[in-house]
């Protein structure tokens, strides 16, 4: 959990809050996309690498930082995939958040895939036909839009 979110939660407890997130859809040449098996949920589940916006960061900076932290990859953002809101997320510790998530399409520049051992416990590329269940509706809708070729969408 980010420092900002920790400080905010220390004041409001488990009350619903609005949180901003950013992540990346990282395709490889054959069209498969990189997914991260998340270790910060009640049970491991897959999603795109990404995380919470820190004070002073842009959404772009957040997406690039989170990819580096969670996957070991340096990426270059190439376009906005979409911005998704209006969905509630419930966390195992009782926290509730209304999330606003920006997903970017990114190109791998450098680095070797590696899990951080806490947020990331697995990293794999998946074809559209083999996508596992994803962590929440925002990730699922972003994946559907990406594979349909839709960019710059919002909800």
N, C-alpha and C. Protein backbone atom coordinates (compact mmCIF):
# COMPACT_ATOMS: atom_id res chain seq x y z
N UNK A 1 0.85 -1.17 0.00
CA UNK A 1 0.00 0.00 0.00
C UNK A 1 0.89 1.23 0.00
N UNK A 2 0.51 2.24 -0.77
CA UNK A 2 1.33 3.44 -0.87
C UNK A 2 1.29 4.25 0.42
N UNK A 3 2.29 5.10 0.58
CA UNK A 3 2.35 5.96 1.76
C UNK A 3 1.11 6.85 1.85
N UNK A 4 0.72 7.42 0.70
CA UNK A 4 -0.44 8.31 0.69
C UNK A 4 -1.70 7.56 1.14
N UNK A 5 -1.91 6.38 0.57
CA UNK A 5 -3.11 5.61 0.92
C UNK A 5 -3.05 5.20 2.39
N UNK A 6 -1.89 4.82 2.87
CA UNK A 6 -1.75 4.45 4.29
C UNK A 6 -2.11 5.62 5.20
N UNK A 7 -1.61 6.81 4.87
CA UNK A 7 -1.92 8.00 5.69
C UNK A 7 -3.41 8.32 5.64
N UNK A 8 -3.99 8.23 4.47
CA UNK A 8 -5.42 8.50 4.32
C UNK A 8 -6.24 7.48 5.10
N UNK A 9 -5.88 6.22 5.00
CA UNK A 9 -6.61 5.17 5.71
C UNK A 9 -6.47 5.32 7.22
N UNK A 10 -5.36 5.86 7.70
CA UNK A 10 -5.20 6.05 9.14
C UNK A 10 -6.20 7.07 9.68
N UNK A 11 -6.72 7.91 8.80
CA UNK A 11 -7.69 8.93 9.21
C UNK A 11 -9.14 8.49 9.01
N UNK A 12 -9.41 7.70 7.96
CA UNK A 12 -10.79 7.35 7.64
C UNK A 12 -11.13 5.88 7.85
N UNK A 13 -10.15 5.09 8.21
CA UNK A 13 -10.41 3.67 8.42
C UNK A 13 -10.82 2.99 7.12
N UNK A 14 -11.85 2.15 7.20
CA UNK A 14 -12.30 1.38 6.04
C UNK A 14 -13.38 2.09 5.22
N UNK A 15 -13.69 3.33 5.57
CA UNK A 15 -14.74 4.07 4.85
C UNK A 15 -14.43 4.12 3.36
N UNK A 16 -15.47 4.14 2.51
CA UNK A 16 -15.24 4.26 1.07
C UNK A 16 -14.50 5.57 0.74
N UNK A 17 -13.51 5.46 -0.13
CA UNK A 17 -12.77 6.62 -0.61
C UNK A 17 -12.59 6.50 -2.12
N UNK A 18 -12.21 7.61 -2.75
CA UNK A 18 -11.89 7.62 -4.17
C UNK A 18 -10.38 7.51 -4.29
N UNK A 19 -9.92 6.56 -5.09
CA UNK A 19 -8.49 6.37 -5.31
C UNK A 19 -8.20 6.41 -6.81
N UNK A 20 -7.03 6.92 -7.14
CA UNK A 20 -6.58 6.99 -8.53
C UNK A 20 -5.45 5.99 -8.75
N UNK A 21 -5.57 5.23 -9.83
CA UNK A 21 -4.59 4.21 -10.17
C UNK A 21 -4.17 4.38 -11.63
N UNK A 22 -3.00 3.84 -11.94
CA UNK A 22 -2.54 3.80 -13.32
C UNK A 22 -1.82 2.48 -13.55
N UNK A 23 -1.97 1.96 -14.75
CA UNK A 23 -1.33 0.71 -15.10
C UNK A 23 -1.01 0.65 -16.57
N UNK A 24 -0.32 -0.42 -16.95
CA UNK A 24 0.10 -0.57 -18.34
C UNK A 24 -0.34 -1.91 -18.92
N UNK A 25 -0.76 -1.83 -20.16
CA UNK A 25 -0.98 -3.01 -20.99
C UNK A 25 0.26 -3.11 -21.86
N UNK A 26 1.02 -4.19 -21.66
CA UNK A 26 2.30 -4.35 -22.35
C UNK A 26 2.19 -5.54 -23.29
N UNK A 27 1.93 -5.28 -24.58
CA UNK A 27 1.85 -6.40 -25.52
C UNK A 27 3.24 -6.78 -26.02
N UNK A 28 3.37 -8.01 -26.45
CA UNK A 28 4.60 -8.38 -27.16
C UNK A 28 4.23 -8.61 -28.61
N UNK A 29 5.21 -8.91 -29.43
CA UNK A 29 5.03 -8.96 -30.89
C UNK A 29 3.86 -9.78 -31.39
N UNK A 30 3.55 -10.88 -30.73
CA UNK A 30 2.46 -11.74 -31.19
C UNK A 30 1.09 -11.29 -30.68
N UNK A 31 1.05 -10.18 -29.92
CA UNK A 31 -0.23 -9.67 -29.42
C UNK A 31 -0.58 -10.10 -28.01
N UNK A 32 0.16 -11.07 -27.46
CA UNK A 32 -0.08 -11.47 -26.07
C UNK A 32 0.21 -10.27 -25.15
N UNK A 33 -0.45 -10.23 -24.00
CA UNK A 33 -0.24 -9.14 -23.05
C UNK A 33 0.32 -9.67 -21.74
N UNK A 34 1.13 -8.84 -21.09
CA UNK A 34 1.74 -9.21 -19.81
C UNK A 34 0.73 -9.02 -18.68
N UNK A 35 0.57 -10.06 -17.90
CA UNK A 35 -0.26 -9.99 -16.70
C UNK A 35 0.59 -10.34 -15.49
N UNK A 36 0.17 -9.79 -14.38
CA UNK A 36 0.83 -9.98 -13.10
C UNK A 36 -0.11 -10.76 -12.18
N UNK A 37 0.40 -11.84 -11.60
CA UNK A 37 -0.38 -12.54 -10.58
C UNK A 37 -0.18 -11.77 -9.28
N UNK A 38 -1.27 -11.20 -8.78
CA UNK A 38 -1.20 -10.31 -7.62
C UNK A 38 -1.16 -11.11 -6.33
N UNK A 39 -0.25 -10.73 -5.46
CA UNK A 39 -0.13 -11.38 -4.17
C UNK A 39 -0.71 -10.57 -3.04
N UNK A 40 -1.31 -9.42 -3.38
CA UNK A 40 -1.84 -8.52 -2.34
C UNK A 40 -3.36 -8.63 -2.20
N UNK A 41 -3.92 -9.71 -2.65
CA UNK A 41 -5.35 -9.96 -2.51
C UNK A 41 -5.56 -11.20 -1.66
N UNK A 42 -6.81 -11.44 -1.31
CA UNK A 42 -7.14 -12.60 -0.46
C UNK A 42 -6.64 -13.89 -1.09
N UNK A 43 -6.84 -14.02 -2.38
CA UNK A 43 -6.29 -15.15 -3.12
C UNK A 43 -5.60 -14.57 -4.36
N UNK A 44 -4.54 -15.20 -4.81
CA UNK A 44 -3.83 -14.68 -5.98
C UNK A 44 -4.75 -14.60 -7.19
N UNK A 45 -4.68 -13.48 -7.90
CA UNK A 45 -5.49 -13.26 -9.09
C UNK A 45 -4.68 -12.40 -10.05
N UNK A 46 -4.98 -12.48 -11.32
CA UNK A 46 -4.22 -11.80 -12.36
C UNK A 46 -4.75 -10.40 -12.64
N UNK A 47 -3.87 -9.53 -13.10
CA UNK A 47 -4.23 -8.19 -13.54
C UNK A 47 -3.06 -7.54 -14.27
N UNK A 48 -3.31 -6.39 -14.84
CA UNK A 48 -2.24 -5.64 -15.47
C UNK A 48 -1.37 -5.00 -14.39
N UNK A 49 -0.07 -4.87 -14.62
CA UNK A 49 0.76 -4.20 -13.62
C UNK A 49 0.34 -2.75 -13.46
N UNK A 50 0.31 -2.28 -12.23
CA UNK A 50 -0.07 -0.90 -11.97
C UNK A 50 -0.33 -0.70 -10.49
N UNK A 51 -0.65 0.53 -10.13
CA UNK A 51 -0.89 0.81 -8.73
C UNK A 51 -1.32 2.23 -8.49
N UNK A 52 -1.28 2.62 -7.22
CA UNK A 52 -1.82 3.89 -6.78
C UNK A 52 -0.95 5.09 -7.05
N UNK A 53 -1.62 6.17 -7.41
CA UNK A 53 -0.99 7.47 -7.63
C UNK A 53 -0.50 8.02 -6.30
N UNK A 54 0.75 8.47 -6.27
CA UNK A 54 1.31 9.13 -5.10
C UNK A 54 1.20 10.64 -5.28
N UNK A 55 1.19 11.36 -4.18
CA UNK A 55 1.14 12.82 -4.25
C UNK A 55 2.31 13.33 -5.09
N UNK A 56 2.02 14.24 -6.02
CA UNK A 56 3.04 14.83 -6.86
C UNK A 56 3.33 14.08 -8.14
N UNK A 57 2.75 12.89 -8.31
CA UNK A 57 2.99 12.10 -9.52
C UNK A 57 1.92 12.37 -10.56
N UNK A 58 2.30 12.16 -11.82
CA UNK A 58 1.32 12.12 -12.90
C UNK A 58 0.86 10.68 -13.07
N UNK A 59 -0.24 10.49 -13.76
CA UNK A 59 -0.70 9.13 -14.03
C UNK A 59 0.35 8.37 -14.85
N UNK A 60 0.95 9.05 -15.81
CA UNK A 60 2.01 8.44 -16.62
C UNK A 60 3.16 7.98 -15.74
N UNK A 61 3.63 8.85 -14.86
CA UNK A 61 4.74 8.50 -13.96
C UNK A 61 4.39 7.32 -13.07
N UNK A 62 3.17 7.30 -12.57
CA UNK A 62 2.71 6.20 -11.73
C UNK A 62 2.76 4.88 -12.49
N UNK A 63 2.24 4.88 -13.71
CA UNK A 63 2.21 3.65 -14.49
C UNK A 63 3.61 3.11 -14.74
N UNK A 64 4.53 3.98 -15.14
CA UNK A 64 5.90 3.56 -15.43
C UNK A 64 6.60 3.07 -14.16
N UNK A 65 6.43 3.79 -13.05
CA UNK A 65 7.04 3.39 -11.78
C UNK A 65 6.51 2.04 -11.31
N UNK A 66 5.19 1.88 -11.35
CA UNK A 66 4.60 0.62 -10.88
C UNK A 66 5.05 -0.56 -11.73
N UNK A 67 5.15 -0.38 -13.04
CA UNK A 67 5.63 -1.46 -13.89
C UNK A 67 7.06 -1.83 -13.49
N UNK A 68 7.90 -0.84 -13.29
CA UNK A 68 9.29 -1.10 -12.89
C UNK A 68 9.34 -1.86 -11.57
N UNK A 69 8.56 -1.38 -10.57
CA UNK A 69 8.57 -2.01 -9.25
C UNK A 69 8.04 -3.44 -9.27
N UNK A 70 6.99 -3.67 -10.05
CA UNK A 70 6.28 -4.95 -10.00
C UNK A 70 6.78 -5.98 -11.00
N UNK A 71 7.49 -5.52 -12.05
CA UNK A 71 7.90 -6.47 -13.10
C UNK A 71 9.39 -6.45 -13.41
N UNK A 72 10.10 -5.40 -13.00
CA UNK A 72 11.51 -5.26 -13.36
C UNK A 72 11.73 -4.66 -14.73
N UNK A 73 10.67 -4.30 -15.43
CA UNK A 73 10.79 -3.77 -16.79
C UNK A 73 10.77 -2.24 -16.82
N UNK A 74 11.57 -1.69 -17.72
CA UNK A 74 11.46 -0.28 -18.08
C UNK A 74 10.60 -0.23 -19.32
N UNK A 75 9.60 0.67 -19.31
CA UNK A 75 8.68 0.76 -20.44
C UNK A 75 8.55 2.20 -20.91
N UNK A 76 8.11 2.34 -22.16
CA UNK A 76 7.76 3.64 -22.72
C UNK A 76 6.27 3.60 -23.04
N UNK A 77 5.53 4.55 -22.52
CA UNK A 77 4.11 4.64 -22.81
C UNK A 77 3.95 5.11 -24.25
N UNK A 78 3.09 4.41 -25.00
CA UNK A 78 2.88 4.77 -26.40
C UNK A 78 1.52 5.39 -26.66
N UNK A 79 0.54 5.07 -25.83
CA UNK A 79 -0.79 5.67 -26.01
C UNK A 79 -1.66 5.39 -24.79
N UNK A 80 -2.73 6.15 -24.71
CA UNK A 80 -3.72 5.94 -23.65
C UNK A 80 -4.68 4.86 -24.09
N UNK A 81 -4.77 3.80 -23.31
CA UNK A 81 -5.74 2.73 -23.61
C UNK A 81 -7.14 3.18 -23.19
N UNK A 82 -7.25 3.72 -21.96
CA UNK A 82 -8.55 4.16 -21.49
C UNK A 82 -8.53 4.56 -20.03
N UNK A 83 -9.59 5.23 -19.61
CA UNK A 83 -9.77 5.65 -18.23
C UNK A 83 -11.11 5.09 -17.77
N UNK A 84 -11.08 4.41 -16.63
CA UNK A 84 -12.27 3.69 -16.16
C UNK A 84 -12.62 4.13 -14.75
N UNK A 85 -13.90 4.41 -14.54
CA UNK A 85 -14.37 4.85 -13.22
C UNK A 85 -15.75 4.26 -12.97
N UNK A 86 -16.32 4.62 -11.84
CA UNK A 86 -17.67 4.17 -11.53
C UNK A 86 -17.76 2.75 -11.00
N UNK A 87 -16.64 2.20 -10.59
CA UNK A 87 -16.64 0.82 -10.10
C UNK A 87 -16.08 0.78 -8.69
N UNK A 88 -16.67 -0.04 -7.86
CA UNK A 88 -16.23 -0.16 -6.47
C UNK A 88 -15.35 -1.39 -6.33
N UNK A 89 -14.34 -1.28 -5.48
CA UNK A 89 -13.44 -2.40 -5.22
C UNK A 89 -13.39 -2.64 -3.72
N UNK A 90 -13.54 -3.89 -3.32
CA UNK A 90 -13.49 -4.28 -1.91
C UNK A 90 -12.20 -5.05 -1.67
N UNK A 91 -11.47 -4.67 -0.65
CA UNK A 91 -10.18 -5.29 -0.34
C UNK A 91 -10.33 -6.25 0.83
N UNK A 92 -9.44 -7.26 0.91
CA UNK A 92 -9.54 -8.28 1.97
C UNK A 92 -9.53 -7.71 3.39
N UNK A 93 -8.88 -6.56 3.59
CA UNK A 93 -8.80 -5.99 4.94
C UNK A 93 -10.03 -5.17 5.31
N UNK A 94 -11.03 -5.10 4.41
CA UNK A 94 -12.25 -4.36 4.70
C UNK A 94 -12.32 -2.99 4.05
N UNK A 95 -11.25 -2.53 3.43
CA UNK A 95 -11.25 -1.24 2.74
C UNK A 95 -12.17 -1.29 1.53
N UNK A 96 -12.81 -0.16 1.25
CA UNK A 96 -13.63 -0.01 0.06
C UNK A 96 -13.15 1.23 -0.68
N UNK A 97 -13.03 1.11 -2.01
CA UNK A 97 -12.58 2.25 -2.81
C UNK A 97 -13.36 2.33 -4.11
N UNK A 98 -13.68 3.54 -4.49
CA UNK A 98 -14.19 3.83 -5.82
C UNK A 98 -12.97 4.25 -6.62
N UNK A 99 -12.61 3.40 -7.57
CA UNK A 99 -11.34 3.58 -8.27
C UNK A 99 -11.52 4.29 -9.60
N UNK A 100 -10.58 5.17 -9.88
CA UNK A 100 -10.42 5.77 -11.20
C UNK A 100 -9.08 5.25 -11.70
N UNK A 101 -9.11 4.49 -12.79
CA UNK A 101 -7.89 3.86 -13.29
C UNK A 101 -7.63 4.24 -14.72
N UNK A 102 -6.41 4.72 -14.98
CA UNK A 102 -5.95 5.00 -16.34
C UNK A 102 -5.04 3.86 -16.76
N UNK A 103 -5.36 3.26 -17.89
CA UNK A 103 -4.50 2.23 -18.47
C UNK A 103 -3.82 2.80 -19.70
N UNK A 104 -2.51 2.59 -19.78
CA UNK A 104 -1.72 3.01 -20.92
C UNK A 104 -1.22 1.77 -21.65
N UNK A 105 -1.04 1.90 -22.95
CA UNK A 105 -0.34 0.87 -23.71
C UNK A 105 1.14 1.26 -23.64
N UNK A 106 2.00 0.29 -23.37
CA UNK A 106 3.42 0.58 -23.22
C UNK A 106 4.26 -0.44 -23.98
N UNK A 107 5.43 0.01 -24.38
CA UNK A 107 6.41 -0.81 -25.08
C UNK A 107 7.56 -1.11 -24.14
N UNK A 108 7.97 -2.35 -24.11
CA UNK A 108 9.09 -2.78 -23.29
C UNK A 108 10.39 -2.21 -23.85
N UNK A 109 11.17 -1.54 -22.99
CA UNK A 109 12.44 -0.98 -23.39
C UNK A 109 13.62 -1.81 -22.92
N UNK A 110 13.59 -2.20 -21.65
CA UNK A 110 14.74 -2.85 -21.04
C UNK A 110 14.28 -3.61 -19.81
N UNK A 111 15.17 -4.43 -19.26
CA UNK A 111 14.91 -5.13 -18.02
C UNK A 111 14.54 -6.58 -18.25
N UNK A 112 14.63 -7.32 -17.17
CA UNK A 112 14.26 -8.73 -17.16
C UNK A 112 13.07 -8.91 -16.24
N UNK A 113 12.12 -9.72 -16.69
CA UNK A 113 10.93 -9.98 -15.87
C UNK A 113 11.35 -10.57 -14.53
N UNK A 114 10.85 -9.96 -13.45
CA UNK A 114 11.08 -10.49 -12.11
C UNK A 114 9.94 -10.04 -11.22
N UNK A 115 9.51 -10.93 -10.37
CA UNK A 115 8.45 -10.63 -9.41
C UNK A 115 9.06 -9.95 -8.19
N UNK A 116 8.29 -9.05 -7.58
CA UNK A 116 8.78 -8.40 -6.36
C UNK A 116 8.52 -9.27 -5.12
N UNK A 117 7.75 -10.34 -5.26
CA UNK A 117 7.53 -11.27 -4.17
C UNK A 117 6.40 -10.91 -3.23
N UNK A 118 5.84 -9.71 -3.36
CA UNK A 118 4.71 -9.34 -2.51
C UNK A 118 3.51 -8.96 -3.38
N UNK A 119 3.61 -7.86 -4.10
CA UNK A 119 2.51 -7.49 -5.00
C UNK A 119 2.48 -8.40 -6.22
N UNK A 120 3.66 -8.74 -6.75
CA UNK A 120 3.78 -9.63 -7.91
C UNK A 120 4.33 -10.97 -7.46
N UNK A 121 3.51 -12.02 -7.68
CA UNK A 121 4.01 -13.36 -7.38
C UNK A 121 4.06 -14.22 -8.63
N UNK A 122 3.73 -13.64 -9.76
CA UNK A 122 3.83 -14.32 -11.04
C UNK A 122 3.71 -13.32 -12.16
N UNK A 123 4.41 -13.55 -13.26
CA UNK A 123 4.36 -12.70 -14.44
C UNK A 123 4.34 -13.60 -15.67
N UNK A 124 3.31 -13.43 -16.51
CA UNK A 124 3.19 -14.25 -17.71
C UNK A 124 2.50 -13.45 -18.80
N UNK A 125 2.82 -13.80 -20.04
CA UNK A 125 2.11 -13.25 -21.19
C UNK A 125 0.95 -14.18 -21.54
N UNK A 126 -0.19 -13.56 -21.88
CA UNK A 126 -1.39 -14.32 -22.21
C UNK A 126 -1.96 -13.84 -23.54
N UNK A 127 -2.44 -14.80 -24.33
CA UNK A 127 -3.20 -14.49 -25.54
C UNK A 127 -4.62 -14.13 -25.13
N UNK A 128 -5.29 -13.41 -26.01
CA UNK A 128 -6.69 -13.03 -25.72
C UNK A 128 -7.54 -14.26 -25.42
N UNK A 129 -7.33 -15.32 -26.15
CA UNK A 129 -8.15 -16.53 -25.99
C UNK A 129 -7.85 -17.29 -24.69
N UNK A 130 -6.79 -16.92 -24.00
CA UNK A 130 -6.38 -17.65 -22.79
C UNK A 130 -6.36 -16.77 -21.55
N UNK A 131 -6.99 -15.60 -21.61
CA UNK A 131 -6.95 -14.70 -20.46
C UNK A 131 -7.61 -15.35 -19.24
N UNK A 132 -6.95 -15.28 -18.09
CA UNK A 132 -7.58 -15.76 -16.86
C UNK A 132 -8.58 -14.72 -16.35
N UNK A 133 -9.32 -15.07 -15.30
CA UNK A 133 -10.15 -14.07 -14.63
C UNK A 133 -9.23 -12.97 -14.13
N UNK A 134 -9.68 -11.72 -14.25
CA UNK A 134 -8.87 -10.58 -13.85
C UNK A 134 -9.36 -9.98 -12.54
N UNK A 135 -8.51 -9.21 -11.91
CA UNK A 135 -8.68 -8.73 -10.54
C UNK A 135 -9.98 -7.94 -10.32
N UNK A 136 -10.42 -7.17 -11.32
CA UNK A 136 -11.67 -6.42 -11.17
C UNK A 136 -12.22 -6.05 -12.55
N UNK A 137 -13.40 -5.42 -12.55
CA UNK A 137 -14.08 -5.08 -13.82
C UNK A 137 -13.27 -4.12 -14.66
N UNK A 138 -12.55 -3.20 -14.01
CA UNK A 138 -11.75 -2.24 -14.79
C UNK A 138 -10.70 -2.96 -15.63
N UNK A 139 -10.01 -3.92 -15.05
CA UNK A 139 -9.00 -4.67 -15.80
C UNK A 139 -9.66 -5.50 -16.90
N UNK A 140 -10.81 -6.10 -16.60
CA UNK A 140 -11.51 -6.92 -17.59
C UNK A 140 -11.97 -6.08 -18.77
N UNK A 141 -12.58 -4.94 -18.50
CA UNK A 141 -13.06 -4.07 -19.58
C UNK A 141 -11.89 -3.50 -20.37
N UNK A 142 -10.81 -3.13 -19.69
CA UNK A 142 -9.62 -2.61 -20.38
C UNK A 142 -9.06 -3.67 -21.33
N UNK A 143 -9.01 -4.93 -20.89
CA UNK A 143 -8.51 -6.01 -21.74
C UNK A 143 -9.41 -6.19 -22.96
N UNK A 144 -10.71 -6.19 -22.76
CA UNK A 144 -11.66 -6.34 -23.88
C UNK A 144 -11.49 -5.21 -24.89
N UNK A 145 -11.39 -3.98 -24.39
CA UNK A 145 -11.21 -2.84 -25.29
C UNK A 145 -9.87 -2.92 -26.02
N UNK A 146 -8.81 -3.30 -25.31
CA UNK A 146 -7.50 -3.40 -25.95
C UNK A 146 -7.53 -4.39 -27.10
N UNK A 147 -8.03 -5.60 -26.84
CA UNK A 147 -8.03 -6.62 -27.88
C UNK A 147 -9.00 -6.29 -29.03
N UNK A 148 -10.00 -5.45 -28.77
CA UNK A 148 -10.93 -5.00 -29.82
C UNK A 148 -10.35 -3.82 -30.60
N UNK A 149 -9.17 -3.34 -30.18
CA UNK A 149 -8.54 -2.23 -30.90
C UNK A 149 -9.06 -0.85 -30.50
N UNK A 150 -9.84 -0.78 -29.43
CA UNK A 150 -10.36 0.51 -28.98
C UNK A 150 -9.35 1.18 -28.06
N UNK A 151 -9.05 2.44 -28.32
CA UNK A 151 -8.11 3.21 -27.51
C UNK A 151 -8.75 4.52 -27.10
N UNK A 152 -8.27 5.08 -26.00
CA UNK A 152 -8.77 6.38 -25.54
C UNK A 152 -10.21 6.34 -25.06
N UNK A 153 -10.66 5.19 -24.60
CA UNK A 153 -12.04 5.06 -24.13
C UNK A 153 -12.13 5.51 -22.67
N UNK A 154 -13.32 5.78 -22.25
CA UNK A 154 -13.53 6.13 -20.84
C UNK A 154 -14.91 5.69 -20.41
N UNK A 155 -15.05 5.51 -19.10
CA UNK A 155 -16.36 5.18 -18.53
C UNK A 155 -16.42 5.74 -17.13
